Amino acid sequence: MRPAERFRIAVVGCGGQGWQHVKSGGHEDDIVALCDVDLKRAKRAWDAKPDAAKYRDYRELLAAEKDLDAIMVATPDHMPAPVAAAAMRRGLHAYVEKPLTWSIEEARLLAELAKKHNVATQMGNQGSANSGLRAGVERLRAGVLGDVREVHVWTNRPVWPQGFNLPEVARAVPDHLDWDLWLGCAEKRPYHPAYLPFSWRGFYDFGTGALGDMACHTMNLVWRGLDLGVPTRARAETTKSFPLTYPKGAKFVLGFPARGKLPAVELTWWEGSMRPPKDLLPKELGKMRGSGTLVIGEKGKMFSSDDYQVRQSWSPKELGTVKVARTEPRAPRGPHGGHIKEWLDAAKAGKKSWTDFSVAGPFTEAVLVGDVAIRTGKRIKWDSTKMEAKGLPAAKPIVRRTYRKGFGIR
């Protein structure tokens, strides 16, 4: 590592969210290598960085670029773990887009590797850098709502197709796409345009559905503010199920046990066509909007919508009299330049970022327990120590993935 100097950064996955990273220019640092399996999706990034080395296979990039300091990974959900694991074993600082990993085992491994190799890491749930969200975390930690036992989180996702059967008709692979590399660790199968470029999120083998797209944003306030940890149980309801894709709508409840003096919490997640009741949100807190979080405490309620601003509601007796206490240490305010800048500053200072993998790993595990409930349709009794859903063999391939040769995480 070069402390306090310009970092040499590689970006893997240059279309979609990865393009936003390339546009940022690495802030005061240098993006020296780019990697993408799809030449069409990568074109604008590659044109924007003509001097950067170009690759289609992340393994070739890591083998050839001997002088890297850091890597940013913005691939579909099934591939960040193989890429980031290989990079951290090289000693590279790692930024990985949410939901960090496809499986719970992968989330555990990335946290372990970050600690073992002493690298700075960050999960890309960008709202974590928002000062409004951090102030909300402080308020929850300070107990201004009193005991909290009920939380609701909702999203308008999916905004991509899912809840259908894929036609069993092989299609020609476009010239600009390396289909084998795109599949990566996933089982081989014929190409179909239904998978790309954004709708992979709705397929079990590639994405983690609406939950993976949004929960690491919208559950963030309560997970951190209430110190929720990992749930011990989950149950789900869904619309019609399909063998390859997530359903059109789902609702699940995560049960978090008591933590010291904090009581047990039930968190209800709503997605797609399964929406929370219209009267759930008090009128004084505003409109429900597409995504949001409602925290219900004994003294009042807290609402965070998709603009990350936190609003509070109190009983008439207490309205205007509640003072927001501070917690120590306070949640640090995000730096000018946001989430990525915070990670790079931490790496150069030899410190941890606010959403490093020691935080992001358990958070992703909590989120993905809900995914196990949706996919199995069974009640989950989650044993975090053994990393298993008790008495549910169907959960095993979801918790621990099988990897195609050459794309493993070990």
Protein backbone atom coordinates (compact mmCIF):
# COMPACT_ATOMS: atom_id res chain seq x y z
CA MET A 1 0.00 0.00 0.00
CA ARG A 2 1.05 3.59 -0.64
CA PRO A 3 -0.20 5.58 2.36
CA ALA A 4 -1.53 9.05 1.53
CA GLU A 5 -0.58 8.74 -2.15
CA ARG A 6 -2.57 8.23 -5.32
CA PHE A 7 -3.96 4.73 -5.48
CA ARG A 8 -3.97 2.56 -8.60
CA ILE A 9 -7.49 1.17 -8.90
CA ALA A 10 -9.14 -1.51 -11.03
CA VAL A 11 -12.88 -1.61 -11.74
CA VAL A 12 -14.50 -4.98 -12.49
CA GLY A 13 -17.94 -4.64 -14.04
CA CYS A 14 -18.02 -1.35 -15.98
CA GLY A 15 -21.63 -1.21 -17.12
CA GLY A 16 -24.48 -0.12 -14.88
CA GLN A 17 -23.29 0.87 -11.40
CA GLY A 18 -19.68 0.26 -12.40
CA TRP A 19 -19.96 3.11 -14.88
CA GLN A 20 -20.75 5.44 -11.98
CA HIS A 21 -17.45 4.43 -10.38
CA VAL A 22 -15.54 5.04 -13.58
CA LYS A 23 -17.19 8.45 -13.98
CA SER A 24 -16.06 9.36 -10.47
CA GLY A 25 -12.51 9.09 -11.72
CA GLY A 26 -11.41 7.39 -8.52
CA HIS A 27 -11.64 10.84 -6.94
CA GLU A 28 -8.00 11.88 -6.54
CA ASP A 29 -6.77 8.44 -7.55
CA ASP A 30 -6.06 6.63 -10.80
CA ILE A 31 -8.26 4.02 -12.45
CA VAL A 32 -5.62 2.04 -14.31
CA ALA A 33 -7.47 -1.17 -15.26
CA LEU A 34 -11.00 -2.01 -16.39
CA CYS A 35 -12.70 -5.36 -16.77
CA ASP A 36 -16.03 -6.34 -18.29
CA VAL A 37 -17.33 -9.42 -20.12
CA ASP A 38 -19.65 -7.34 -22.32
CA LEU A 39 -17.91 -5.05 -24.82
CA LYS A 40 -21.13 -3.17 -25.58
CA ARG A 41 -21.86 -2.41 -21.93
CA ALA A 42 -18.23 -1.53 -21.30
CA LYS A 43 -17.76 0.83 -24.23
CA ARG A 44 -18.47 4.16 -22.56
CA ALA A 45 -16.22 3.27 -19.62
CA TRP A 46 -13.42 2.10 -21.87
CA ASP A 47 -13.76 5.24 -24.02
CA ALA A 48 -13.65 7.40 -20.90
CA LYS A 49 -10.38 5.77 -19.74
CA PRO A 50 -8.38 5.24 -22.93
CA ASP A 51 -5.10 4.74 -21.06
CA ALA A 52 -6.44 2.08 -18.69
CA ALA A 53 -5.62 -1.56 -19.38
CA LYS A 54 -8.67 -3.48 -20.66
CA TYR A 55 -9.66 -7.03 -19.72
CA ARG A 56 -12.65 -9.33 -20.03
CA ASP A 57 -11.54 -11.89 -17.43
CA TYR A 58 -10.92 -10.66 -13.87
CA ARG A 59 -8.44 -13.48 -13.31
CA GLU A 60 -6.26 -12.21 -16.13
CA LEU A 61 -6.46 -8.69 -14.73
CA LEU A 62 -5.30 -9.80 -11.28
CA ALA A 63 -2.50 -11.87 -12.77
CA ALA A 64 -1.21 -9.09 -15.03
CA GLU A 65 -1.66 -5.93 -12.92
CA LYS A 66 1.05 -6.34 -10.30
CA ASP A 67 1.00 -2.77 -9.00
CA LEU A 68 -2.65 -2.32 -7.98
CA ASP A 69 -3.71 -0.89 -4.64
CA ALA A 70 -7.46 -1.37 -4.75
CA ILE A 71 -10.36 -2.90 -6.64
CA MET A 72 -13.99 -1.91 -7.13
CA VAL A 73 -16.44 -4.68 -7.99
CA ALA A 74 -19.83 -4.00 -9.58
CA THR A 75 -20.75 -7.33 -11.17
CA PRO A 76 -24.10 -9.16 -10.93
CA ASP A 77 -24.77 -10.64 -7.49
CA HIS A 78 -23.37 -14.10 -8.23
CA MET A 79 -19.82 -12.90 -9.01
CA PRO A 80 -18.54 -10.30 -6.46
CA ALA A 81 -17.36 -12.96 -4.00
CA PRO A 82 -15.00 -14.81 -6.39
CA VAL A 83 -13.57 -11.49 -7.63
CA ALA A 84 -13.20 -9.80 -4.23
CA ALA A 85 -11.83 -12.92 -2.52
CA ALA A 86 -9.08 -13.26 -5.13
CA ALA A 87 -8.28 -9.54 -4.90
CA MET A 88 -8.06 -9.42 -1.10
CA ARG A 89 -5.76 -12.43 -1.10
CA ARG A 90 -3.53 -10.21 -3.23
CA GLY A 91 -3.68 -7.58 -0.48
CA LEU A 92 -5.95 -5.20 -2.39
CA HIS A 93 -8.40 -2.88 -0.69
CA ALA A 94 -11.89 -3.78 -1.88
CA TYR A 95 -15.11 -1.90 -2.58
CA VAL A 96 -18.01 -4.23 -3.47
CA GLU A 97 -21.50 -3.20 -4.49
CA LYS A 98 -24.46 -4.32 -2.38
CA PRO A 99 -25.70 -6.83 -1.41
CA LEU A 100 -22.00 -7.78 -1.13
CA THR A 101 -22.54 -11.48 -1.91
CA TRP A 102 -24.98 -14.02 -3.32
CA SER A 103 -24.72 -16.40 -0.36
CA ILE A 104 -24.28 -16.28 3.40
CA GLU A 105 -21.11 -18.37 3.23
CA GLU A 106 -19.61 -15.78 0.86
CA ALA A 107 -20.49 -12.93 3.22
CA ARG A 108 -18.70 -14.72 6.05
CA LEU A 109 -15.65 -15.41 3.90
CA LEU A 110 -15.21 -11.83 2.65
CA ALA A 111 -15.33 -10.52 6.23
CA GLU A 112 -12.74 -13.11 7.27
CA LEU A 113 -10.43 -12.27 4.36
CA ALA A 114 -10.63 -8.53 5.00
CA LYS A 115 -9.52 -9.11 8.59
CA LYS A 116 -6.83 -11.64 7.69
CA HIS A 117 -5.22 -9.48 5.02
CA ASN A 118 -5.76 -6.18 6.86
CA VAL A 119 -7.31 -4.37 3.91
CA ALA A 120 -9.81 -1.53 3.91
CA THR A 121 -13.21 -2.56 2.59
CA GLN A 122 -16.60 -1.04 1.86
CA MET A 123 -19.97 -2.38 0.74
CA GLY A 124 -21.63 -0.09 -1.76
CA ASN A 125 -24.83 0.88 0.02
CA GLN A 126 -24.29 4.52 -0.79
CA GLY A 127 -26.94 5.89 1.57
CA SER A 128 -24.64 4.91 4.45
CA ALA A 129 -22.70 8.10 3.73
CA ASN A 130 -25.83 10.25 4.04
CA SER A 131 -25.77 12.48 7.11
CA GLY A 132 -29.53 12.13 7.59
CA LEU A 133 -29.26 8.38 7.85
CA ARG A 134 -26.36 8.61 10.30
CA ALA A 135 -28.28 11.06 12.45
CA GLY A 136 -31.16 8.60 12.49
CA VAL A 137 -28.83 5.84 13.62
CA GLU A 138 -27.66 8.06 16.48
CA ARG A 139 -31.25 8.72 17.57
CA LEU A 140 -32.13 5.05 17.62
CA ARG A 141 -28.99 4.25 19.57
CA ALA A 142 -29.89 6.99 22.03
CA GLY A 143 -33.28 5.35 22.63
CA VAL A 144 -35.43 8.36 21.75
CA LEU A 145 -38.24 6.03 20.58
CA GLY A 146 -38.09 3.93 23.74
CA ASP A 147 -38.26 0.19 23.25
CA VAL A 148 -38.68 -0.82 19.61
CA ARG A 149 -40.30 -4.16 18.85
CA GLU A 150 -41.75 -3.62 15.37
CA VAL A 151 -40.22 -2.44 12.08
CA HIS A 152 -41.60 -2.37 8.53
CA VAL A 153 -39.46 -2.03 5.40
CA TRP A 154 -40.89 -1.90 1.87
CA THR A 155 -39.83 -1.45 -1.74
CA ASN A 156 -41.47 -1.07 -5.14
CA ARG A 157 -38.93 -3.54 -6.55
CA PRO A 158 -38.87 -5.57 -8.70
CA VAL A 159 -38.83 -3.10 -11.58
CA TRP A 160 -37.48 -5.88 -13.83
CA PRO A 161 -39.32 -8.98 -15.11
CA GLN A 162 -39.61 -11.93 -12.73
CA GLY A 163 -42.25 -14.45 -11.75
CA PHE A 164 -42.30 -16.34 -15.07
CA ASN A 165 -41.08 -19.52 -16.73
CA LEU A 166 -38.17 -19.12 -19.12
CA PRO A 167 -38.83 -20.52 -22.61
CA GLU A 168 -36.54 -23.48 -23.27
CA VAL A 169 -35.19 -22.11 -26.53
CA ALA A 170 -31.46 -21.54 -26.94
CA ARG A 171 -30.48 -18.22 -28.50
CA ALA A 172 -27.31 -17.13 -30.27
CA VAL A 173 -24.85 -15.34 -27.98
CA PRO A 174 -24.27 -11.73 -29.08
CA ASP A 175 -20.80 -11.07 -30.49
CA HIS A 176 -20.09 -8.44 -27.84
CA LEU A 177 -20.71 -10.82 -24.91
CA ASP A 178 -18.45 -13.53 -23.48
CA TRP A 179 -21.26 -15.71 -22.12
CA ASP A 180 -19.00 -18.22 -20.38
CA LEU A 181 -17.26 -15.47 -18.41
CA TRP A 182 -20.58 -13.81 -17.61
CA LEU A 183 -21.84 -17.09 -16.13
CA GLY A 184 -18.67 -17.30 -14.07
CA CYS A 185 -19.29 -19.48 -11.01
CA ALA A 186 -22.88 -20.33 -12.03
CA GLU A 187 -23.82 -23.62 -13.66
CA LYS A 188 -23.45 -23.69 -17.45
CA ARG A 189 -26.60 -23.12 -19.47
CA PRO A 190 -27.60 -21.74 -22.90
CA TYR A 191 -27.71 -17.99 -23.36
CA HIS A 192 -31.08 -16.27 -23.30
CA PRO A 193 -31.68 -12.49 -23.63
CA ALA A 194 -34.08 -12.63 -20.67
CA TYR A 195 -31.04 -12.69 -18.37
CA LEU A 196 -29.47 -9.41 -19.49
CA PRO A 197 -28.62 -6.65 -18.99
CA PHE A 198 -30.53 -5.85 -15.78
CA SER A 199 -33.08 -8.63 -15.35
CA TRP A 200 -30.52 -11.11 -13.97
CA ARG A 201 -31.63 -9.77 -10.57
CA GLY A 202 -34.83 -11.76 -10.81
CA PHE A 203 -33.14 -15.14 -11.41
CA TYR A 204 -32.19 -17.32 -8.45
CA ASP A 205 -28.81 -18.36 -9.87
CA PHE A 206 -27.60 -14.83 -10.62
CA GLY A 207 -29.43 -12.37 -8.38
CA THR A 208 -30.88 -11.99 -4.92
CA GLY A 209 -34.11 -10.39 -6.09
CA ALA A 210 -35.70 -7.22 -4.79
CA LEU A 211 -34.28 -7.98 -1.37
CA GLY A 212 -30.69 -7.95 -2.61
CA ASP A 213 -31.27 -4.82 -4.63
CA MET A 214 -32.77 -2.71 -1.85
CA ALA A 215 -32.52 -4.18 1.67
CA CYS A 216 -28.89 -3.15 2.21
CA HIS A 217 -30.16 0.40 1.66
CA THR A 218 -33.52 0.41 3.38
CA MET A 219 -32.81 -1.91 6.33
CA ASN A 220 -29.58 -0.06 7.09
CA LEU A 221 -31.06 2.52 9.47
CA VAL A 222 -32.64 0.00 11.81
CA TRP A 223 -30.02 -2.72 11.51
CA ARG A 224 -27.33 -0.32 12.70
CA GLY A 225 -29.41 1.87 14.96
CA LEU A 226 -30.95 -1.04 16.88
CA ASP A 227 -27.87 -3.27 16.75
CA LEU A 228 -30.01 -6.06 15.31
CA GLY A 229 -27.29 -8.54 14.42
CA VAL A 230 -28.44 -11.76 12.74
CA PRO A 231 -32.04 -13.02 12.96
CA THR A 232 -32.82 -16.40 14.51
CA ARG A 233 -36.02 -17.01 12.60
CA ALA A 234 -37.85 -16.04 9.43
CA ARG A 235 -41.11 -16.81 7.69
CA ALA A 236 -42.27 -15.74 4.25
CA GLU A 237 -45.39 -15.40 2.14
CA THR A 238 -45.15 -15.04 -1.64
CA THR A 239 -47.25 -14.92 -4.76
CA LYS A 240 -47.02 -17.87 -7.16
CA SER A 241 -43.55 -19.47 -7.16
CA PHE A 242 -41.46 -20.36 -10.20
CA PRO A 243 -38.47 -22.71 -10.58
CA LEU A 244 -35.95 -20.17 -11.93
CA THR A 245 -37.14 -16.73 -10.86
CA TYR A 246 -38.26 -14.88 -7.78
CA PRO A 247 -42.03 -14.33 -7.42
CA LYS A 248 -43.80 -11.12 -8.37
CA GLY A 249 -44.48 -10.30 -4.73
CA ALA A 250 -43.23 -11.35 -1.31
CA LYS A 251 -43.51 -10.56 2.36
CA PHE A 252 -41.39 -12.00 5.12
CA VAL A 253 -40.82 -11.46 8.82
CA LEU A 254 -37.37 -11.63 10.40
CA GLY A 255 -37.20 -12.32 14.13
CA PHE A 256 -34.26 -10.74 15.94
CA PRO A 257 -33.66 -11.81 19.56
CA ALA A 258 -33.22 -9.46 22.52
CA ARG A 259 -29.81 -7.78 22.67
CA GLY A 260 -28.84 -6.90 26.23
CA LYS A 261 -31.45 -4.39 27.42
CA LEU A 262 -32.93 -4.08 23.92
CA PRO A 263 -36.09 -6.13 23.34
CA ALA A 264 -36.67 -8.65 20.55
CA VAL A 265 -37.67 -7.11 17.21
CA GLU A 266 -39.87 -8.33 14.37
CA LEU A 267 -38.98 -6.78 11.02
CA THR A 268 -41.51 -7.18 8.21
CA TRP A 269 -40.30 -6.80 4.63
CA TRP A 270 -42.73 -6.04 1.75
CA GLU A 271 -41.83 -6.18 -1.94
CA GLY A 272 -43.42 -6.06 -5.37
CA SER A 273 -47.15 -6.72 -5.45
CA MET A 274 -47.28 -7.40 -1.70
CA ARG A 275 -47.51 -3.91 -0.26
CA PRO A 276 -47.89 -2.70 3.34
CA PRO A 277 -51.33 -1.41 4.35
CA LYS A 278 -51.95 2.19 3.29
CA ASP A 279 -52.69 3.30 6.86
CA LEU A 280 -49.38 1.91 8.20
CA LEU A 281 -47.59 5.26 7.89
CA PRO A 282 -48.90 8.14 10.05
CA LYS A 283 -50.03 11.08 7.88
CA GLU A 284 -47.73 13.52 9.64
CA LEU A 285 -44.71 11.55 8.42
CA GLY A 286 -45.53 12.13 4.76
CA LYS A 287 -46.14 9.82 1.82
CA MET A 288 -45.15 6.16 1.81
CA ARG A 289 -43.29 6.50 -1.53
CA GLY A 290 -41.61 3.66 -3.39
CA SER A 291 -39.27 2.49 -0.67
CA GLY A 292 -39.06 3.21 3.02
CA THR A 293 -38.61 2.15 6.63
CA LEU A 294 -40.97 2.66 9.55
CA VAL A 295 -39.69 2.10 13.09
CA ILE A 296 -42.39 1.79 15.75
CA GLY A 297 -41.31 2.52 19.31
CA GLU A 298 -43.17 2.86 22.59
CA LYS A 299 -42.64 6.64 22.57
CA GLY A 300 -42.94 7.45 18.89
CA LYS A 301 -42.24 6.47 15.31
CA MET A 302 -39.39 7.10 12.90
CA PHE A 303 -39.69 7.07 9.11
CA SER A 304 -36.95 7.05 6.49
CA SER A 305 -37.97 7.19 2.84
CA ASP A 306 -35.90 6.70 -0.30
CA ASP A 307 -34.37 10.17 0.09
CA TYR A 308 -32.62 8.96 3.31
CA GLN A 309 -34.11 11.82 5.32
CA VAL A 310 -35.33 10.77 8.76
CA ARG A 311 -38.66 12.03 10.13
CA GLN A 312 -40.08 11.40 13.58
CA SER A 313 -43.56 11.35 15.08
CA TRP A 314 -44.46 11.52 18.79
CA SER A 315 -47.58 11.25 20.85
CA PRO A 316 -49.31 14.64 21.37
CA LYS A 317 -48.18 14.72 24.99
CA GLU A 318 -44.53 14.45 24.02
CA LEU A 319 -44.59 16.40 20.75
CA GLY A 320 -42.07 19.21 20.83
CA THR A 321 -40.58 18.19 24.15
CA VAL A 322 -38.29 15.34 23.10
CA LYS A 323 -34.63 16.21 22.86
CA VAL A 324 -32.38 14.05 20.71
CA ALA A 325 -29.59 12.65 22.81
CA ARG A 326 -26.15 11.97 21.40
CA THR A 327 -24.46 8.64 21.49
CA GLU A 328 -20.76 8.18 21.96
CA PRO A 329 -19.03 7.63 19.73
CA ARG A 330 -21.24 9.49 17.29
CA ALA A 331 -21.74 8.13 13.81
CA PRO A 332 -19.11 9.96 11.74
CA ARG A 333 -20.56 12.22 9.07
CA GLY A 334 -19.82 11.19 5.53
CA PRO A 335 -17.00 13.14 3.88
CA HIS A 336 -17.45 15.45 0.93
CA GLY A 337 -17.19 13.03 -1.96
CA GLY A 338 -19.33 10.37 -0.32
CA HIS A 339 -19.11 6.65 0.09
CA ILE A 340 -16.18 5.85 -2.19
CA LYS A 341 -14.11 8.74 -0.89
CA GLU A 342 -14.70 7.54 2.66
CA TRP A 343 -13.38 4.08 1.73
CA LEU A 344 -10.30 5.46 -0.02
CA ASP A 345 -9.53 7.81 2.86
CA ALA A 346 -9.79 4.91 5.29
CA ALA A 347 -7.48 2.76 3.17
CA LYS A 348 -4.83 5.46 3.01
CA ALA A 349 -5.05 6.11 6.74
CA GLY A 350 -4.91 2.43 7.66
CA LYS A 351 -8.40 2.62 9.20
CA LYS A 352 -11.82 1.03 8.70
CA SER A 353 -14.61 2.64 6.71
CA TRP A 354 -18.08 2.92 8.25
CA THR A 355 -19.49 0.04 6.21
CA ASP A 356 -16.45 -2.21 6.03
CA PHE A 357 -16.92 -5.96 5.66
CA SER A 358 -16.88 -6.59 9.42
CA VAL A 359 -20.19 -4.69 9.38
CA ALA A 360 -21.37 -5.51 5.85
CA GLY A 361 -20.81 -9.26 6.23
CA PRO A 362 -23.24 -9.78 9.17
CA PHE A 363 -25.66 -7.27 7.64
CA THR A 364 -25.71 -9.20 4.36
CA GLU A 365 -26.21 -12.43 6.31
CA ALA A 366 -29.24 -10.91 8.06
CA VAL A 367 -30.69 -9.87 4.70
CA LEU A 368 -30.04 -13.21 3.04
CA VAL A 369 -31.78 -15.18 5.80
CA GLY A 370 -34.90 -13.53 4.39
CA ASP A 371 -33.89 -14.69 0.94
CA VAL A 372 -33.69 -18.28 2.20
CA ALA A 373 -37.25 -17.96 3.53
CA ILE A 374 -38.55 -16.62 0.21
CA ARG A 375 -36.83 -19.29 -1.86
CA THR A 376 -37.74 -22.29 0.28
CA GLY A 377 -41.19 -21.13 1.32
CA LYS A 378 -40.48 -22.61 4.75
CA ARG A 379 -40.19 -21.24 8.26
CA ILE A 380 -36.52 -20.72 9.02
CA LYS A 381 -34.83 -21.39 12.34
CA TRP A 382 -31.44 -19.86 11.70
CA ASP A 383 -28.42 -21.18 13.58
CA SER A 384 -25.76 -18.56 12.96
CA THR A 385 -23.05 -20.53 14.76
CA LYS A 386 -23.48 -23.56 12.50
CA MET A 387 -24.49 -21.40 9.53
CA GLU A 388 -27.54 -23.50 8.77
CA ALA A 389 -31.31 -23.47 8.69
CA LYS A 390 -32.21 -26.15 11.23
CA GLY A 391 -33.89 -29.21 9.76
CA LEU A 392 -34.13 -27.72 6.26
CA PRO A 393 -31.86 -29.47 3.70
CA ALA A 394 -33.38 -27.38 0.89
CA ALA A 395 -31.61 -24.33 2.29
CA LYS A 396 -28.10 -25.76 2.03
CA PRO A 397 -27.37 -24.89 -1.64
CA ILE A 398 -28.65 -21.35 -1.00
CA VAL A 399 -26.46 -20.85 2.07
CA ARG A 400 -23.38 -22.49 0.49
CA ARG A 401 -23.09 -22.30 -3.25
CA THR A 402 -21.58 -24.90 -5.60
CA TYR A 403 -18.99 -23.24 -7.87
CA ARG A 404 -18.01 -24.01 -11.41
CA LYS A 405 -14.35 -24.98 -11.77
CA GLY A 406 -12.08 -21.97 -12.08
CA PHE A 407 -14.47 -19.54 -10.39
CA GLY A 408 -14.44 -20.64 -6.76
CA ILE A 409 -14.00 -18.59 -3.61
CA ARG A 410 -11.54 -20.83 -1.72
